[in-house]
């Protein structure tokens, strides 16, 4: 799993995420995203275009980040989520917490 900030604009940031988000990498993702939140980026877009796999630990990391963002009045939006991952978000009802968008630009504008 790799995560890198590819765009910043005031309180907003886009993070490109790649690889697999699982029990071994979810903690690192959570830590990376929470560093951004602590630095004042309370509107985050997670670009999932290169994420091949995301398990329950990965979803838990997203929930933790989303909770911190909501405490600060911010949001976590997901972009370019693969159909199988969208289905998991829908089944777990996490799509109600994390708006998903087809493109990064669309997510960033909202």
PDB file of N, CA and C in Angstrom:
ATOM      1  N   UNK A   1       0.839  -1.163   0.000  1.00  0.00           N
ATOM      2  CA  UNK A   1       0.000   0.000   0.000  1.00  0.00           C
ATOM      3  C   UNK A   1       0.885   1.226   0.000  1.00  0.00           C
ATOM      4  N   UNK A   2       0.535   2.162  -0.850  1.00  0.00           N
ATOM      5  CA  UNK A   2       1.240   3.433  -0.902  1.00  0.00           C
ATOM      6  C   UNK A   2       0.204   4.539  -0.936  1.00  0.00           C
ATOM      7  N   UNK A   3       0.486   5.614  -0.226  1.00  0.00           N
ATOM      8  CA  UNK A   3      -0.404   6.775  -0.220  1.00  0.00           C
ATOM      9  C   UNK A   3       0.446   8.025  -0.367  1.00  0.00           C
ATOM     10  N   UNK A   4       0.061   8.884  -1.302  1.00  0.00           N
ATOM     11  CA  UNK A   4       0.809  10.125  -1.488  1.00  0.00           C
ATOM     12  C   UNK A   4      -0.148  11.260  -1.808  1.00  0.00           C
ATOM     13  N   UNK A   5       0.159  12.419  -1.250  1.00  0.00           N
ATOM     14  CA  UNK A   5      -0.649  13.611  -1.503  1.00  0.00           C
ATOM     15  C   UNK A   5      -0.309  14.103  -2.901  1.00  0.00           C
ATOM     16  N   UNK A   6      -1.335  14.249  -3.734  1.00  0.00           N
ATOM     17  CA  UNK A   6      -1.109  14.691  -5.108  1.00  0.00           C
ATOM     18  C   UNK A   6      -1.675  16.085  -5.372  1.00  0.00           C
ATOM     19  N   UNK A   7      -2.434  16.607  -4.409  1.00  0.00           N
ATOM     20  CA  UNK A   7      -3.014  17.937  -4.584  1.00  0.00           C
ATOM     21  C   UNK A   7      -3.400  18.489  -3.217  1.00  0.00           C
ATOM     22  N   UNK A   8      -3.117  19.767  -3.019  1.00  0.00           N
ATOM     23  CA  UNK A   8      -3.520  20.470  -1.792  1.00  0.00           C
ATOM     24  C   UNK A   8      -4.082  21.815  -2.193  1.00  0.00           C
ATOM     25  N   UNK A   9      -5.125  22.211  -1.500  1.00  0.00           N
ATOM     26  CA  UNK A   9      -5.719  23.517  -1.745  1.00  0.00           C
ATOM     27  C   UNK A   9      -6.424  23.948  -0.462  1.00  0.00           C
ATOM     28  N   UNK A  10      -5.756  24.747   0.334  1.00  0.00           N
ATOM     29  CA  UNK A  10      -6.325  25.164   1.604  1.00  0.00           C
ATOM     30  C   UNK A  10      -6.538  23.970   2.516  1.00  0.00           C
ATOM     31  N   UNK A  11      -7.788  23.786   2.950  1.00  0.00           N
ATOM     32  CA  UNK A  11      -8.115  22.688   3.864  1.00  0.00           C
ATOM     33  C   UNK A  11      -8.354  21.375   3.134  1.00  0.00           C
ATOM     34  N   UNK A  12      -8.271  21.377   1.813  1.00  0.00           N
ATOM     35  CA  UNK A  12      -8.554  20.175   1.026  1.00  0.00           C
ATOM     36  C   UNK A  12      -7.256  19.522   0.550  1.00  0.00           C
ATOM     37  N   UNK A  13      -7.306  18.208   0.427  1.00  0.00           N
ATOM     38  CA  UNK A  13      -6.158  17.464  -0.107  1.00  0.00           C
ATOM     39  C   UNK A  13      -6.669  16.211  -0.810  1.00  0.00           C
ATOM     40  N   UNK A  14      -5.955  15.841  -1.875  1.00  0.00           N
ATOM     41  CA  UNK A  14      -6.231  14.597  -2.592  1.00  0.00           C
ATOM     42  C   UNK A  14      -5.080  13.645  -2.321  1.00  0.00           C
ATOM     43  N   UNK A  15      -5.424  12.432  -1.900  1.00  0.00           N
ATOM     44  CA  UNK A  15      -4.428  11.407  -1.602  1.00  0.00           C
ATOM     45  C   UNK A  15      -4.627  10.252  -2.576  1.00  0.00           C
ATOM     46  N   UNK A  16      -3.602   9.969  -3.362  1.00  0.00           N
ATOM     47  CA  UNK A  16      -3.642   8.815  -4.264  1.00  0.00           C
ATOM     48  C   UNK A  16      -3.194   7.597  -3.467  1.00  0.00           C
ATOM     49  N   UNK A  17      -4.016   6.561  -3.498  1.00  0.00           N
ATOM     50  CA  UNK A  17      -3.739   5.338  -2.753  1.00  0.00           C
ATOM     51  C   UNK A  17      -3.597   4.196  -3.754  1.00  0.00           C
ATOM     52  N   UNK A  18      -2.605   3.357  -3.536  1.00  0.00           N
ATOM     53  CA  UNK A  18      -2.400   2.238  -4.444  1.00  0.00           C
ATOM     54  C   UNK A  18      -2.059   0.972  -3.700  1.00  0.00           C
ATOM     55  N   UNK A  19      -2.272  -0.133  -4.356  1.00  0.00           N
ATOM     56  CA  UNK A  19      -1.932  -1.429  -3.774  1.00  0.00           C
ATOM     57  C   UNK A  19      -3.092  -2.057  -3.034  1.00  0.00           C
ATOM     58  N   UNK A  20      -2.751  -2.771  -1.971  1.00  0.00           N
ATOM     59  CA  UNK A  20      -3.754  -3.486  -1.184  1.00  0.00           C
ATOM     60  C   UNK A  20      -3.853  -2.883   0.207  1.00  0.00           C
ATOM     61  N   UNK A  21      -5.080  -2.655   0.645  1.00  0.00           N
ATOM     62  CA  UNK A  21      -5.322  -2.155   1.993  1.00  0.00           C
ATOM     63  C   UNK A  21      -5.879  -3.327   2.787  1.00  0.00           C
ATOM     64  N   UNK A  22      -5.063  -3.829   3.693  1.00  0.00           N
ATOM     65  CA  UNK A  22      -5.450  -5.007   4.468  1.00  0.00           C
ATOM     66  C   UNK A  22      -4.959  -4.856   5.902  1.00  0.00           C
ATOM     67  N   UNK A  23      -5.029  -5.925   6.661  1.00  0.00           N
ATOM     68  CA  UNK A  23      -4.661  -5.881   8.077  1.00  0.00           C
ATOM     69  C   UNK A  23      -3.209  -5.425   8.264  1.00  0.00           C
ATOM     70  N   UNK A  24      -2.351  -5.689   7.305  1.00  0.00           N
ATOM     71  CA  UNK A  24      -0.942  -5.304   7.422  1.00  0.00           C
ATOM     72  C   UNK A  24      -0.692  -3.848   7.045  1.00  0.00           C
ATOM     73  N   UNK A  25      -1.555  -3.255   6.236  1.00  0.00           N
ATOM     74  CA  UNK A  25      -1.293  -1.899   5.735  1.00  0.00           C
ATOM     75  C   UNK A  25      -2.301  -0.854   6.207  1.00  0.00           C
ATOM     76  N   UNK A  26      -3.415  -1.290   6.774  1.00  0.00           N
ATOM     77  CA  UNK A  26      -4.477  -0.358   7.163  1.00  0.00           C
ATOM     78  C   UNK A  26      -4.015   0.652   8.211  1.00  0.00           C
ATOM     79  N   UNK A  27      -3.198   0.210   9.153  1.00  0.00           N
ATOM     80  CA  UNK A  27      -2.704   1.119  10.179  1.00  0.00           C
ATOM     81  C   UNK A  27      -1.863   2.244   9.596  1.00  0.00           C
ATOM     82  N   UNK A  28      -1.050   1.906   8.632  1.00  0.00           N
ATOM     83  CA  UNK A  28      -0.229   2.927   7.972  1.00  0.00           C
ATOM     84  C   UNK A  28      -1.095   3.922   7.215  1.00  0.00           C
ATOM     85  N   UNK A  29      -2.124   3.418   6.504  1.00  0.00           N
ATOM     86  CA  UNK A  29      -3.025   4.312   5.796  1.00  0.00           C
ATOM     87  C   UNK A  29      -3.725   5.249   6.774  1.00  0.00           C
ATOM     88  N   UNK A  30      -4.241   4.688   7.861  1.00  0.00           N
ATOM     89  CA  UNK A  30      -4.914   5.497   8.879  1.00  0.00           C
ATOM     90  C   UNK A  30      -3.971   6.584   9.400  1.00  0.00           C
ATOM     91  N   UNK A  31      -2.749   6.208   9.722  1.00  0.00           N
ATOM     92  CA  UNK A  31      -1.770   7.166  10.242  1.00  0.00           C
ATOM     93  C   UNK A  31      -1.448   8.254   9.216  1.00  0.00           C
ATOM     94  N   UNK A  32      -1.256   7.861   7.969  1.00  0.00           N
ATOM     95  CA  UNK A  32      -0.946   8.840   6.921  1.00  0.00           C
ATOM     96  C   UNK A  32      -2.077   9.848   6.752  1.00  0.00           C
ATOM     97  N   UNK A  33      -3.309   9.349   6.737  1.00  0.00           N
ATOM     98  CA  UNK A  33      -4.453  10.250   6.547  1.00  0.00           C
ATOM     99  C   UNK A  33      -4.683  11.126   7.778  1.00  0.00           C
ATOM    100  N   UNK A  34      -4.490  10.561   8.964  1.00  0.00           N
ATOM    101  CA  UNK A  34      -4.680  11.359  10.181  1.00  0.00           C
ATOM    102  C   UNK A  34      -3.621  12.450  10.314  1.00  0.00           C
ATOM    103  N   UNK A  35      -2.419  12.233   9.789  1.00  0.00           N
ATOM    104  CA  UNK A  35      -1.405  13.290   9.772  1.00  0.00           C
ATOM    105  C   UNK A  35      -1.899  14.488   8.962  1.00  0.00           C
ATOM    106  N   UNK A  36      -2.549  14.199   7.852  1.00  0.00           N
ATOM    107  CA  UNK A  36      -3.103  15.278   7.029  1.00  0.00           C
ATOM    108  C   UNK A  36      -4.198  16.025   7.786  1.00  0.00           C
ATOM    109  N   UNK A  37      -5.055  15.276   8.458  1.00  0.00           N
ATOM    110  CA  UNK A  37      -6.130  15.897   9.236  1.00  0.00           C
ATOM    111  C   UNK A  37      -5.526  16.782  10.321  1.00  0.00           C
ATOM    112  N   UNK A  38      -4.545  16.273  11.026  1.00  0.00           N
ATOM    113  CA  UNK A  38      -3.903  17.038  12.097  1.00  0.00           C
ATOM    114  C   UNK A  38      -3.185  18.275  11.566  1.00  0.00           C
ATOM    115  N   UNK A  39      -2.784  18.241  10.299  1.00  0.00           N
ATOM    116  CA  UNK A  39      -2.128  19.389   9.670  1.00  0.00           C
ATOM    117  C   UNK A  39      -3.140  20.407   9.133  1.00  0.00           C
ATOM    118  N   UNK A  40      -4.435  20.121   9.330  1.00  0.00           N
ATOM    119  CA  UNK A  40      -5.459  21.082   8.924  1.00  0.00           C
ATOM    120  C   UNK A  40      -6.205  20.764   7.651  1.00  0.00           C
ATOM    121  N   UNK A  41      -5.903  19.631   7.033  1.00  0.00           N
ATOM    122  CA  UNK A  41      -6.625  19.233   5.812  1.00  0.00           C
ATOM    123  C   UNK A  41      -7.850  18.430   6.227  1.00  0.00           C
ATOM    124  N   UNK A  42      -8.981  19.123   6.346  1.00  0.00           N
ATOM    125  CA  UNK A  42     -10.184  18.464   6.859  1.00  0.00           C
ATOM    126  C   UNK A  42     -11.152  18.041   5.759  1.00  0.00           C
ATOM    127  N   UNK A  43     -10.826  18.337   4.531  1.00  0.00           N
ATOM    128  CA  UNK A  43     -11.617  17.852   3.398  1.00  0.00           C
ATOM    129  C   UNK A  43     -10.691  16.994   2.545  1.00  0.00           C
ATOM    130  N   UNK A  44     -10.819  15.685   2.702  1.00  0.00           N
ATOM    131  CA  UNK A  44      -9.928  14.758   2.013  1.00  0.00           C
ATOM    132  C   UNK A  44     -10.652  14.007   0.910  1.00  0.00           C
ATOM    133  N   UNK A  45      -9.937  13.822  -0.184  1.00  0.00           N
ATOM    134  CA  UNK A  45     -10.386  12.956  -1.268  1.00  0.00           C
ATOM    135  C   UNK A  45      -9.383  11.819  -1.353  1.00  0.00           C
ATOM    136  N   UNK A  46      -9.856  10.597  -1.214  1.00  0.00           N
ATOM    137  CA  UNK A  46      -9.015   9.416  -1.361  1.00  0.00           C
ATOM    138  C   UNK A  46      -9.244   8.844  -2.752  1.00  0.00           C
ATOM    139  N   UNK A  47      -8.208   8.906  -3.580  1.00  0.00           N
ATOM    140  CA  UNK A  47      -8.273   8.376  -4.945  1.00  0.00           C
ATOM    141  C   UNK A  47      -7.957   6.890  -4.887  1.00  0.00           C
ATOM    142  N   UNK A  48      -8.979   6.071  -5.087  1.00  0.00           N
ATOM    143  CA  UNK A  48      -8.864   4.613  -5.000  1.00  0.00           C
ATOM    144  C   UNK A  48      -8.591   3.965  -6.351  1.00  0.00           C
ATOM    145  N   UNK A  49      -8.250   4.751  -7.357  1.00  0.00           N
ATOM    146  CA  UNK A  49      -8.070   4.209  -8.699  1.00  0.00           C
ATOM    147  C   UNK A  49      -7.061   3.085  -8.800  1.00  0.00           C
ATOM    148  N   UNK A  50      -6.037   3.088  -7.942  1.00  0.00           N
ATOM    149  CA  UNK A  50      -5.000   2.056  -7.998  1.00  0.00           C
ATOM    150  C   UNK A  50      -5.091   1.067  -6.831  1.00  0.00           C
ATOM    151  N   UNK A  51      -6.208   1.091  -6.098  1.00  0.00           N
ATOM    152  CA  UNK A  51      -6.390   0.142  -4.993  1.00  0.00           C
ATOM    153  C   UNK A  51      -6.919  -1.166  -5.567  1.00  0.00           C
ATOM    154  N   UNK A  52      -6.149  -2.220  -5.393  1.00  0.00           N
ATOM    155  CA  UNK A  52      -6.543  -3.530  -5.924  1.00  0.00           C
ATOM    156  C   UNK A  52      -7.436  -4.299  -4.964  1.00  0.00           C
ATOM    157  N   UNK A  53      -7.307  -4.004  -3.654  1.00  0.00           N
ATOM    158  CA  UNK A  53      -8.021  -4.791  -2.655  1.00  0.00           C
ATOM    159  C   UNK A  53      -8.156  -3.953  -1.395  1.00  0.00           C
ATOM    160  N   UNK A  54      -9.298  -4.068  -0.732  1.00  0.00           N
ATOM    161  CA  UNK A  54      -9.511  -3.390   0.549  1.00  0.00           C
ATOM    162  C   UNK A  54     -10.382  -4.297   1.409  1.00  0.00           C
ATOM    163  N   UNK A  55      -9.825  -4.754   2.557  1.00  0.00           N
ATOM    164  CA  UNK A  55     -10.581  -5.652   3.423  1.00  0.00           C
ATOM    165  C   UNK A  55     -11.207  -4.885   4.588  1.00  0.00           C
ATOM    166  N   UNK A  56     -11.726  -5.613   5.559  1.00  0.00           N
ATOM    167  CA  UNK A  56     -12.416  -5.000   6.692  1.00  0.00           C
ATOM    168  C   UNK A  56     -11.491  -4.081   7.493  1.00  0.00           C
ATOM    169  N   UNK A  57     -10.212  -4.436   7.597  1.00  0.00           N
ATOM    170  CA  UNK A  57      -9.266  -3.569   8.302  1.00  0.00           C
ATOM    171  C   UNK A  57      -9.118  -2.234   7.575  1.00  0.00           C
ATOM    172  N   UNK A  58      -9.112  -2.291   6.264  1.00  0.00           N
ATOM    173  CA  UNK A  58      -9.046  -1.062   5.467  1.00  0.00           C
ATOM    174  C   UNK A  58     -10.287  -0.206   5.656  1.00  0.00           C
ATOM    175  N   UNK A  59     -11.446  -0.854   5.674  1.00  0.00           N
ATOM    176  CA  UNK A  59     -12.685  -0.113   5.925  1.00  0.00           C
ATOM    177  C   UNK A  59     -12.663   0.513   7.312  1.00  0.00           C
ATOM    178  N   UNK A  60     -12.116  -0.228   8.285  1.00  0.00           N
ATOM    179  CA  UNK A  60     -12.002   0.308   9.636  1.00  0.00           C
ATOM    180  C   UNK A  60     -11.110   1.544   9.686  1.00  0.00           C
ATOM    181  N   UNK A  61     -10.033   1.533   8.926  1.00  0.00           N
ATOM    182  CA  UNK A  61      -9.148   2.702   8.860  1.00  0.00           C
ATOM    183  C   UNK A  61      -9.885   3.901   8.287  1.00  0.00           C
ATOM    184  N   UNK A  62     -10.668   3.673   7.240  1.00  0.00           N
ATOM    185  CA  UNK A  62     -11.444   4.765   6.644  1.00  0.00           C
ATOM    186  C   UNK A  62     -12.460   5.311   7.638  1.00  0.00           C
ATOM    187  N   UNK A  63     -13.102   4.423   8.386  1.00  0.00           N
ATOM    188  CA  UNK A  63     -14.083   4.862   9.384  1.00  0.00           C
ATOM    189  C   UNK A  63     -13.394   5.719  10.448  1.00  0.00           C
ATOM    190  N   UNK A  64     -12.229   5.297  10.912  1.00  0.00           N
ATOM    191  CA  UNK A  64     -11.502   6.068  11.926  1.00  0.00           C
ATOM    192  C   UNK A  64     -11.157   7.465  11.413  1.00  0.00           C
ATOM    193  N   UNK A  65     -10.685   7.534  10.185  1.00  0.00           N
ATOM    194  CA  UNK A  65     -10.348   8.834   9.591  1.00  0.00           C
ATOM    195  C   UNK A  65     -11.612   9.664   9.398  1.00  0.00           C
ATOM    196  N   UNK A  66     -12.667   9.032   8.904  1.00  0.00           N
ATOM    197  CA  UNK A  66     -13.931   9.739   8.716  1.00  0.00           C
ATOM    198  C   UNK A  66     -14.479  10.298  10.017  1.00  0.00           C
ATOM    199  N   UNK A  67     -14.359   9.526  11.097  1.00  0.00           N
ATOM    200  CA  UNK A  67     -14.824  10.002  12.407  1.00  0.00           C
ATOM    201  C   UNK A  67     -14.049  11.240  12.848  1.00  0.00           C
ATOM    202  N   UNK A  68     -12.733  11.210  12.695  1.00  0.00           N
ATOM    203  CA  UNK A  68     -11.913  12.365  13.088  1.00  0.00           C
ATOM    204  C   UNK A  68     -12.270  13.581  12.236  1.00  0.00           C
ATOM    205  N   UNK A  69     -12.475  13.355  10.950  1.00  0.00           N
ATOM    206  CA  UNK A  69     -12.833  14.458  10.068  1.00  0.00           C
ATOM    207  C   UNK A  69     -14.175  15.074  10.459  1.00  0.00           C
ATOM    208  N   UNK A  70     -15.153  14.231  10.762  1.00  0.00           N
ATOM    209  CA  UNK A  70     -16.465  14.753  11.155  1.00  0.00           C
ATOM    210  C   UNK A  70     -16.371  15.563  12.443  1.00  0.00           C
ATOM    211  N   UNK A  71     -15.500  15.140  13.382  1.00  0.00           N
ATOM    212  CA  UNK A  71     -15.288  15.907  14.613  1.00  0.00           C
ATOM    213  C   UNK A  71     -14.789  17.314  14.307  1.00  0.00           C
ATOM    214  N   UNK A  72     -14.055  17.450  13.212  1.00  0.00           N
ATOM    215  CA  UNK A  72     -13.472  18.733  12.826  1.00  0.00           C
ATOM    216  C   UNK A  72     -14.307  19.450  11.768  1.00  0.00           C
ATOM    217  N   UNK A  73     -15.485  18.905  11.468  1.00  0.00           N
ATOM    218  CA  UNK A  73     -16.358  19.524  10.471  1.00  0.00           C
ATOM    219  C   UNK A  73     -15.974  19.228   9.036  1.00  0.00           C
ATOM    220  N   UNK A  74     -15.168  18.194   8.832  1.00  0.00           N
ATOM    221  CA  UNK A  74     -14.700  17.869   7.498  1.00  0.00           C
ATOM    222  C   UNK A  74     -15.351  16.623   6.923  1.00  0.00           C
ATOM    223  N   UNK A  75     -14.834  16.200   5.780  1.00  0.00           N
ATOM    224  CA  UNK A  75     -15.383  15.036   5.078  1.00  0.00           C
ATOM    225  C   UNK A  75     -14.268  14.212   4.444  1.00  0.00           C
ATOM    226  N   UNK A  76     -14.573  12.941   4.235  1.00  0.00           N
ATOM    227  CA  UNK A  76     -13.734  12.049   3.446  1.00  0.00           C
ATOM    228  C   UNK A  76     -14.575  11.593   2.270  1.00  0.00           C
ATOM    229  N   UNK A  77     -14.100  11.924   1.072  1.00  0.00           N
ATOM    230  CA  UNK A  77     -14.786  11.512  -0.148  1.00  0.00           C
ATOM    231  C   UNK A  77     -13.882  10.527  -0.887  1.00  0.00           C
ATOM    232  N   UNK A  78     -14.489   9.551  -1.526  1.00  0.00           N
ATOM    233  CA  UNK A  78     -13.740   8.535  -2.262  1.00  0.00           C
ATOM    234  C   UNK A  78     -13.955   8.728  -3.750  1.00  0.00           C
ATOM    235  N   UNK A  79     -12.886   8.579  -4.514  1.00  0.00           N
ATOM    236  CA  UNK A  79     -12.968   8.731  -5.966  1.00  0.00           C
ATOM    237  C   UNK A  79     -12.393   7.494  -6.648  1.00  0.00           C
ATOM    238  N   UNK A  80     -12.943   7.198  -7.808  1.00  0.00           N
ATOM    239  CA  UNK A  80     -12.462   6.115  -8.672  1.00  0.00           C
ATOM    240  C   UNK A  80     -12.448   4.767  -7.958  1.00  0.00           C
ATOM    241  N   UNK A  81     -13.487   4.499  -7.191  1.00  0.00           N
ATOM    242  CA  UNK A  81     -13.615   3.235  -6.463  1.00  0.00           C
ATOM    243  C   UNK A  81     -14.085   2.156  -7.437  1.00  0.00           C
ATOM    244  N   UNK A  82     -13.421   1.036  -7.432  1.00  0.00           N
ATOM    245  CA  UNK A  82     -13.774  -0.068  -8.336  1.00  0.00           C
ATOM    246  C   UNK A  82     -15.155  -0.628  -7.986  1.00  0.00           C
ATOM    247  N   UNK A  83     -15.848  -1.213  -8.957  1.00  0.00           N
ATOM    248  CA  UNK A  83     -17.203  -1.724  -8.712  1.00  0.00           C
ATOM    249  C   UNK A  83     -17.298  -2.709  -7.545  1.00  0.00           C
ATOM    250  N   UNK A  84     -16.353  -3.625  -7.416  1.00  0.00           N
ATOM    251  CA  UNK A  84     -16.417  -4.595  -6.311  1.00  0.00           C
ATOM    252  C   UNK A  84     -16.301  -3.886  -4.962  1.00  0.00           C
ATOM    253  N   UNK A  85     -15.462  -2.868  -4.898  1.00  0.00           N
ATOM    254  CA  UNK A  85     -15.306  -2.128  -3.652  1.00  0.00           C
ATOM    255  C   UNK A  85     -16.534  -1.258  -3.371  1.00  0.00           C
ATOM    256  N   UNK A  86     -17.136  -0.718  -4.412  1.00  0.00           N
ATOM    257  CA  UNK A  86     -18.389   0.045  -4.234  1.00  0.00           C
ATOM    258  C   UNK A  86     -19.482  -0.861  -3.673  1.00  0.00           C
ATOM    259  N   UNK A  87     -19.502  -2.094  -4.146  1.00  0.00           N
ATOM    260  CA  UNK A  87     -20.499  -3.052  -3.675  1.00  0.00           C
ATOM    261  C   UNK A  87     -20.306  -3.316  -2.173  1.00  0.00           C
ATOM    262  N   UNK A  88     -19.059  -3.464  -1.751  1.00  0.00           N
ATOM    263  CA  UNK A  88     -18.782  -3.673  -0.323  1.00  0.00           C
ATOM    264  C   UNK A  88     -19.197  -2.451   0.485  1.00  0.00           C
ATOM    265  N   UNK A  89     -18.912  -1.268  -0.018  1.00  0.00           N
ATOM    266  CA  UNK A  89     -19.337  -0.046   0.675  1.00  0.00           C
ATOM    267  C   UNK A  89     -20.858  -0.001   0.798  1.00  0.00           C
ATOM    268  N   UNK A  90     -21.544  -0.408  -0.254  1.00  0.00           N
ATOM    269  CA  UNK A  90     -23.006  -0.401  -0.239  1.00  0.00           C
ATOM    270  C   UNK A  90     -23.543  -1.452   0.753  1.00  0.00           C
ATOM    271  N   UNK A  91     -22.975  -2.644   0.740  1.00  0.00           N
ATOM    272  CA  UNK A  91     -23.427  -3.719   1.632  1.00  0.00           C
ATOM    273  C   UNK A  91     -23.232  -3.338   3.098  1.00  0.00           C
ATOM    274  N   UNK A  92     -22.105  -2.708   3.389  1.00  0.00           N
ATOM    275  CA  UNK A  92     -21.803  -2.316   4.771  1.00  0.00           C
ATOM    276  C   UNK A  92     -22.427  -0.970   5.142  1.00  0.00           C
ATOM    277  N   UNK A  93     -23.084  -0.358   4.180  1.00  0.00           N
ATOM    278  CA  UNK A  93     -23.721   0.961   4.335  1.00  0.00           C
ATOM    279  C   UNK A  93     -22.713   2.075   4.581  1.00  0.00           C
ATOM    280  N   UNK A  94     -21.463   1.809   4.317  1.00  0.00           N
ATOM    281  CA  UNK A  94     -20.449   2.854   4.451  1.00  0.00           C
ATOM    282  C   UNK A  94     -20.539   3.870   3.317  1.00  0.00           C
ATOM    283  N   UNK A  95     -21.258   3.521   2.266  1.00  0.00           N
ATOM    284  CA  UNK A  95     -21.468   4.507   1.201  1.00  0.00           C
ATOM    285  C   UNK A  95     -22.280   5.695   1.710  1.00  0.00           C
ATOM    286  N   UNK A  96     -22.970   5.524   2.832  1.00  0.00           N
ATOM    287  CA  UNK A  96     -23.703   6.632   3.440  1.00  0.00           C
ATOM    288  C   UNK A  96     -22.758   7.572   4.187  1.00  0.00           C
ATOM    289  N   UNK A  97     -21.611   7.070   4.616  1.00  0.00           N
ATOM    290  CA  UNK A  97     -20.619   7.892   5.309  1.00  0.00           C
ATOM    291  C   UNK A  97     -19.628   8.531   4.349  1.00  0.00           C
ATOM    292  N   UNK A  98     -19.300   7.810   3.291  1.00  0.00           N
ATOM    293  CA  UNK A  98     -18.281   8.257   2.351  1.00  0.00           C
ATOM    294  C   UNK A  98     -18.875   8.433   0.960  1.00  0.00           C
ATOM    295  N   UNK A  99     -19.158   9.665   0.579  1.00  0.00           N
ATOM    296  CA  UNK A  99     -19.644   9.877  -0.790  1.00  0.00           C
ATOM    297  C   UNK A  99     -18.590   9.386  -1.784  1.00  0.00           C
ATOM    298  N   UNK A 100     -19.038   8.720  -2.824  1.00  0.00           N
ATOM    299  CA  UNK A 100     -18.117   8.226  -3.841  1.00  0.00           C
ATOM    300  C   UNK A 100     -18.388   8.927  -5.161  1.00  0.00           C
ATOM    301  N   UNK A 101     -17.315   9.146  -5.897  1.00  0.00           N
ATOM    302  CA  UNK A 101     -17.386   9.881  -7.157  1.00  0.00           C
ATOM    303  C   UNK A 101     -16.603   9.127  -8.217  1.00  0.00           C
ATOM    304  N   UNK A 102     -16.999   9.335  -9.467  1.00  0.00           N
ATOM    305  CA  UNK A 102     -16.334   8.655 -10.573  1.00  0.00           C
ATOM    306  C   UNK A 102     -14.956   9.231 -10.863  1.00  0.00           C
ATOM    307  N   UNK A 103     -14.772  10.536 -10.601  1.00  0.00           N
ATOM    308  CA  UNK A 103     -13.491  11.175 -10.890  1.00  0.00           C
ATOM    309  C   UNK A 103     -12.982  11.930  -9.663  1.00  0.00           C
ATOM    310  N   UNK A 104     -11.688  12.140  -9.629  1.00  0.00           N
ATOM    311  CA  UNK A 104     -11.074  12.909  -8.553  1.00  0.00           C
ATOM    312  C   UNK A 104     -11.549  14.353  -8.608  1.00  0.00           C
ATOM    313  N   UNK A 105     -11.600  14.928  -9.806  1.00  0.00           N
ATOM    314  CA  UNK A 105     -12.028  16.327  -9.939  1.00  0.00           C
ATOM    315  C   UNK A 105     -13.443  16.535  -9.408  1.00  0.00           C
ATOM    316  N   UNK A 106     -14.327  15.598  -9.715  1.00  0.00           N
ATOM    317  CA  UNK A 106     -15.699  15.680  -9.229  1.00  0.00           C
ATOM    318  C   UNK A 106     -15.733  15.627  -7.696  1.00  0.00           C
ATOM    319  N   UNK A 107     -14.972  14.721  -7.119  1.00  0.00           N
ATOM    320  CA  UNK A 107     -14.917  14.605  -5.649  1.00  0.00           C
ATOM    321  C   UNK A 107     -14.313  15.864  -5.040  1.00  0.00           C
ATOM    322  N   UNK A 108     -13.293  16.413  -5.657  1.00  0.00           N
ATOM    323  CA  UNK A 108     -12.621  17.585  -5.123  1.00  0.00           C
ATOM    324  C   UNK A 108     -13.544  18.801  -5.129  1.00  0.00           C
ATOM    325  N   UNK A 109     -14.351  18.934  -6.182  1.00  0.00           N
ATOM    326  CA  UNK A 109     -15.279  20.080  -6.281  1.00  0.00           C
ATOM    327  C   UNK A 109     -16.359  20.039  -5.232  1.00  0.00           C
ATOM    328  N   UNK A 110     -16.743  18.852  -4.766  1.00  0.00           N
ATOM    329  CA  UNK A 110     -17.815  18.742  -3.786  1.00  0.00           C
ATOM    330  C   UNK A 110     -17.234  18.896  -2.409  1.00  0.00           C
TER     331      UNK A 110
END
